[in-house]
N, C-alpha and C. Protein backbone atom coordinates (compact mmCIF):
# COMPACT_ATOMS: atom_id res chain seq x y z
N MET A 1 10.70 0.91 -30.33
CA MET A 1 10.95 1.59 -29.08
C MET A 1 9.90 1.15 -28.06
N THR A 2 10.35 0.84 -26.85
CA THR A 2 9.46 0.45 -25.77
C THR A 2 8.98 1.70 -25.05
N SER A 3 7.70 1.77 -24.79
CA SER A 3 7.19 2.91 -24.03
C SER A 3 6.92 2.46 -22.59
N LEU A 4 7.09 3.37 -21.69
CA LEU A 4 6.85 3.10 -20.28
C LEU A 4 5.56 3.80 -19.86
N ALA A 5 4.86 3.21 -18.92
CA ALA A 5 3.65 3.82 -18.38
C ALA A 5 3.66 3.64 -16.86
N PHE A 6 3.13 4.63 -16.18
CA PHE A 6 3.05 4.58 -14.72
C PHE A 6 1.92 3.65 -14.31
N ASP A 7 2.23 2.67 -13.47
CA ASP A 7 1.22 1.75 -12.97
C ASP A 7 0.76 2.18 -11.58
N HIS A 8 1.67 2.06 -10.59
CA HIS A 8 1.30 2.48 -9.25
C HIS A 8 2.51 2.82 -8.39
N LEU A 9 2.21 3.59 -7.36
CA LEU A 9 3.20 4.01 -6.38
C LEU A 9 2.80 3.39 -5.05
N VAL A 10 3.76 2.80 -4.36
CA VAL A 10 3.50 2.23 -3.04
C VAL A 10 4.10 3.16 -2.00
N HIS A 11 3.27 3.61 -1.08
CA HIS A 11 3.71 4.46 0.02
C HIS A 11 3.54 3.68 1.31
N PHE A 12 4.64 3.45 2.02
CA PHE A 12 4.56 2.76 3.31
C PHE A 12 3.87 3.67 4.31
N SER A 13 2.92 3.11 5.04
CA SER A 13 2.15 3.91 5.99
C SER A 13 1.97 3.13 7.29
N SER A 14 2.13 3.81 8.40
CA SER A 14 1.87 3.16 9.68
C SER A 14 0.37 3.00 9.91
N ASP A 15 -0.44 3.76 9.15
CA ASP A 15 -1.89 3.70 9.31
C ASP A 15 -2.57 4.07 8.00
N PRO A 16 -2.74 3.12 7.07
CA PRO A 16 -3.39 3.42 5.79
C PRO A 16 -4.79 4.02 5.93
N ALA A 17 -5.54 3.65 6.97
CA ALA A 17 -6.87 4.22 7.17
C ALA A 17 -6.79 5.71 7.46
N SER A 18 -5.78 6.12 8.22
CA SER A 18 -5.57 7.54 8.50
C SER A 18 -5.17 8.29 7.23
N ALA A 19 -4.34 7.65 6.41
CA ALA A 19 -3.95 8.27 5.14
C ALA A 19 -5.19 8.50 4.28
N LYS A 20 -6.12 7.56 4.33
CA LYS A 20 -7.37 7.70 3.58
C LYS A 20 -8.11 8.96 4.02
N GLU A 21 -8.25 9.16 5.32
CA GLU A 21 -8.96 10.33 5.84
C GLU A 21 -8.26 11.63 5.45
N THR A 22 -6.94 11.63 5.51
CA THR A 22 -6.18 12.83 5.14
C THR A 22 -6.39 13.17 3.67
N MET A 23 -6.32 12.18 2.80
CA MET A 23 -6.49 12.42 1.36
C MET A 23 -7.91 12.87 1.04
N LEU A 24 -8.90 12.31 1.73
CA LEU A 24 -10.28 12.73 1.52
C LEU A 24 -10.46 14.21 1.85
N GLN A 25 -9.74 14.71 2.86
CA GLN A 25 -9.80 16.13 3.22
C GLN A 25 -9.24 17.01 2.11
N HIS A 26 -8.41 16.44 1.24
CA HIS A 26 -7.82 17.17 0.12
C HIS A 26 -8.55 16.88 -1.19
N GLY A 27 -9.70 16.24 -1.09
CA GLY A 27 -10.51 15.98 -2.27
C GLY A 27 -10.08 14.79 -3.11
N ILE A 28 -9.23 13.94 -2.57
CA ILE A 28 -8.78 12.76 -3.29
C ILE A 28 -9.53 11.55 -2.75
N GLN A 29 -10.28 10.90 -3.63
CA GLN A 29 -11.06 9.74 -3.24
C GLN A 29 -10.15 8.54 -2.99
N VAL A 30 -10.21 8.00 -1.80
CA VAL A 30 -9.40 6.84 -1.41
C VAL A 30 -10.35 5.76 -0.91
N ILE A 31 -10.08 4.53 -1.33
CA ILE A 31 -10.92 3.42 -0.91
C ILE A 31 -10.10 2.42 -0.10
N GLU A 32 -10.78 1.65 0.71
CA GLU A 32 -10.10 0.55 1.40
C GLU A 32 -9.74 -0.49 0.36
N GLY A 33 -8.51 -0.95 0.42
CA GLY A 33 -8.06 -1.95 -0.53
C GLY A 33 -8.36 -3.34 0.00
N GLY A 34 -7.32 -4.05 0.32
CA GLY A 34 -7.52 -5.40 0.79
C GLY A 34 -6.55 -5.76 1.89
N LYS A 35 -6.71 -6.98 2.35
CA LYS A 35 -5.81 -7.54 3.35
C LYS A 35 -5.02 -8.65 2.66
N HIS A 36 -3.73 -8.65 2.89
CA HIS A 36 -2.84 -9.64 2.30
C HIS A 36 -2.44 -10.60 3.42
N GLU A 37 -3.28 -11.59 3.63
CA GLU A 37 -3.12 -12.50 4.78
C GLU A 37 -1.75 -13.17 4.82
N ASN A 38 -1.21 -13.54 3.66
CA ASN A 38 0.08 -14.23 3.62
C ASN A 38 1.25 -13.31 3.95
N TRP A 39 1.03 -12.01 3.84
CA TRP A 39 2.11 -11.04 4.10
C TRP A 39 1.89 -10.27 5.39
N GLY A 40 0.71 -10.34 5.98
CA GLY A 40 0.41 -9.59 7.20
C GLY A 40 0.24 -8.11 6.96
N THR A 41 -0.22 -7.74 5.75
CA THR A 41 -0.36 -6.33 5.39
C THR A 41 -1.78 -6.01 4.93
N TYR A 42 -2.06 -4.74 4.81
CA TYR A 42 -3.33 -4.24 4.25
C TYR A 42 -3.06 -2.91 3.58
N ASN A 43 -4.05 -2.40 2.80
CA ASN A 43 -3.81 -1.16 2.09
C ASN A 43 -5.07 -0.35 1.87
N THR A 44 -4.85 0.90 1.47
CA THR A 44 -5.89 1.76 0.92
C THR A 44 -5.37 2.22 -0.43
N LEU A 45 -6.31 2.63 -1.32
CA LEU A 45 -5.94 2.91 -2.70
C LEU A 45 -6.64 4.17 -3.22
N ALA A 46 -5.91 4.94 -4.03
CA ALA A 46 -6.49 6.08 -4.75
C ALA A 46 -6.20 5.86 -6.23
N TYR A 47 -7.26 5.74 -7.02
CA TYR A 47 -7.11 5.49 -8.45
C TYR A 47 -7.14 6.79 -9.25
N PHE A 48 -6.30 6.81 -10.28
CA PHE A 48 -6.24 7.91 -11.23
C PHE A 48 -6.23 7.26 -12.61
N GLY A 49 -7.41 6.98 -13.14
CA GLY A 49 -7.49 6.19 -14.36
C GLY A 49 -7.08 4.77 -14.03
N LEU A 50 -6.14 4.24 -14.80
CA LEU A 50 -5.65 2.89 -14.54
C LEU A 50 -4.46 2.87 -13.58
N SER A 51 -3.98 4.03 -13.18
CA SER A 51 -2.85 4.14 -12.25
C SER A 51 -3.41 4.39 -10.84
N TYR A 52 -2.58 4.09 -9.84
CA TYR A 52 -3.06 4.31 -8.48
C TYR A 52 -1.92 4.49 -7.49
N ILE A 53 -2.27 5.07 -6.35
CA ILE A 53 -1.37 5.17 -5.20
C ILE A 53 -1.87 4.16 -4.18
N GLU A 54 -0.95 3.42 -3.63
CA GLU A 54 -1.28 2.42 -2.60
C GLU A 54 -0.58 2.80 -1.31
N TRP A 55 -1.36 2.93 -0.23
CA TRP A 55 -0.79 3.12 1.10
C TRP A 55 -0.77 1.74 1.74
N LEU A 56 0.41 1.22 2.01
CA LEU A 56 0.59 -0.14 2.49
C LEU A 56 1.04 -0.12 3.94
N GLY A 57 0.35 -0.88 4.77
CA GLY A 57 0.68 -0.94 6.19
C GLY A 57 0.71 -2.36 6.70
N ILE A 58 1.29 -2.52 7.86
CA ILE A 58 1.38 -3.84 8.50
C ILE A 58 0.14 -4.05 9.36
N GLN A 59 -0.53 -5.15 9.13
CA GLN A 59 -1.69 -5.52 9.93
C GLN A 59 -1.32 -6.53 11.00
N ASP A 60 -0.44 -7.46 10.64
CA ASP A 60 -0.01 -8.49 11.60
C ASP A 60 1.50 -8.63 11.50
N ARG A 61 2.19 -7.95 12.41
CA ARG A 61 3.66 -7.91 12.37
C ARG A 61 4.27 -9.31 12.51
N SER A 62 3.65 -10.19 13.28
CA SER A 62 4.20 -11.53 13.47
C SER A 62 4.26 -12.30 12.15
N ILE A 63 3.34 -12.03 11.25
CA ILE A 63 3.39 -12.64 9.92
C ILE A 63 4.36 -11.90 9.02
N ALA A 64 4.28 -10.58 9.01
CA ALA A 64 5.12 -9.76 8.12
C ALA A 64 6.61 -10.00 8.32
N VAL A 65 7.04 -10.15 9.55
CA VAL A 65 8.48 -10.35 9.81
C VAL A 65 8.99 -11.69 9.31
N GLN A 66 8.09 -12.62 9.04
CA GLN A 66 8.49 -13.94 8.56
C GLN A 66 8.52 -14.04 7.04
N VAL A 67 8.05 -13.02 6.34
CA VAL A 67 8.01 -13.06 4.87
C VAL A 67 9.44 -13.06 4.34
N ASP A 68 9.78 -14.08 3.57
CA ASP A 68 11.15 -14.16 3.04
C ASP A 68 11.20 -14.21 1.51
N ASP A 69 10.03 -14.09 0.87
CA ASP A 69 10.00 -14.18 -0.59
C ASP A 69 9.43 -12.94 -1.27
N ASN A 70 9.31 -11.83 -0.52
CA ASN A 70 8.77 -10.60 -1.08
C ASN A 70 9.61 -9.42 -0.58
N PRO A 71 10.51 -8.90 -1.42
CA PRO A 71 11.37 -7.79 -1.02
C PRO A 71 10.61 -6.54 -0.58
N LEU A 72 9.43 -6.30 -1.15
CA LEU A 72 8.64 -5.12 -0.76
C LEU A 72 8.20 -5.23 0.70
N ILE A 73 7.72 -6.39 1.09
CA ILE A 73 7.28 -6.58 2.48
C ILE A 73 8.48 -6.55 3.42
N GLN A 74 9.60 -7.12 3.02
CA GLN A 74 10.81 -7.07 3.83
C GLN A 74 11.23 -5.61 4.07
N GLN A 75 11.13 -4.80 3.02
CA GLN A 75 11.48 -3.36 3.14
C GLN A 75 10.49 -2.66 4.07
N LEU A 76 9.20 -2.96 3.93
CA LEU A 76 8.19 -2.35 4.80
C LEU A 76 8.49 -2.67 6.27
N VAL A 77 8.82 -3.91 6.56
CA VAL A 77 9.12 -4.31 7.94
C VAL A 77 10.38 -3.57 8.43
N ALA A 78 11.38 -3.49 7.59
CA ALA A 78 12.63 -2.83 7.98
C ALA A 78 12.46 -1.34 8.21
N ASP A 79 11.60 -0.71 7.42
CA ASP A 79 11.39 0.74 7.55
C ASP A 79 10.47 1.06 8.70
């Protein structure tokens, strides 16, 4: 039998830095993640053991709209 485990949840955010501040007010430690130069995105992260929540936002829309090989980024741009 194969077991499943939760890895991470991606939450689209217009402002991941603001999401960080909001979560900190609720006692949830959030850190700045990284910048994804090839996708025009950036994120903040909250870890819970080996699992985490990722707030993903667009940093450079001109790059993000051109991404054609990543369905997640395409969805982020569309939403």
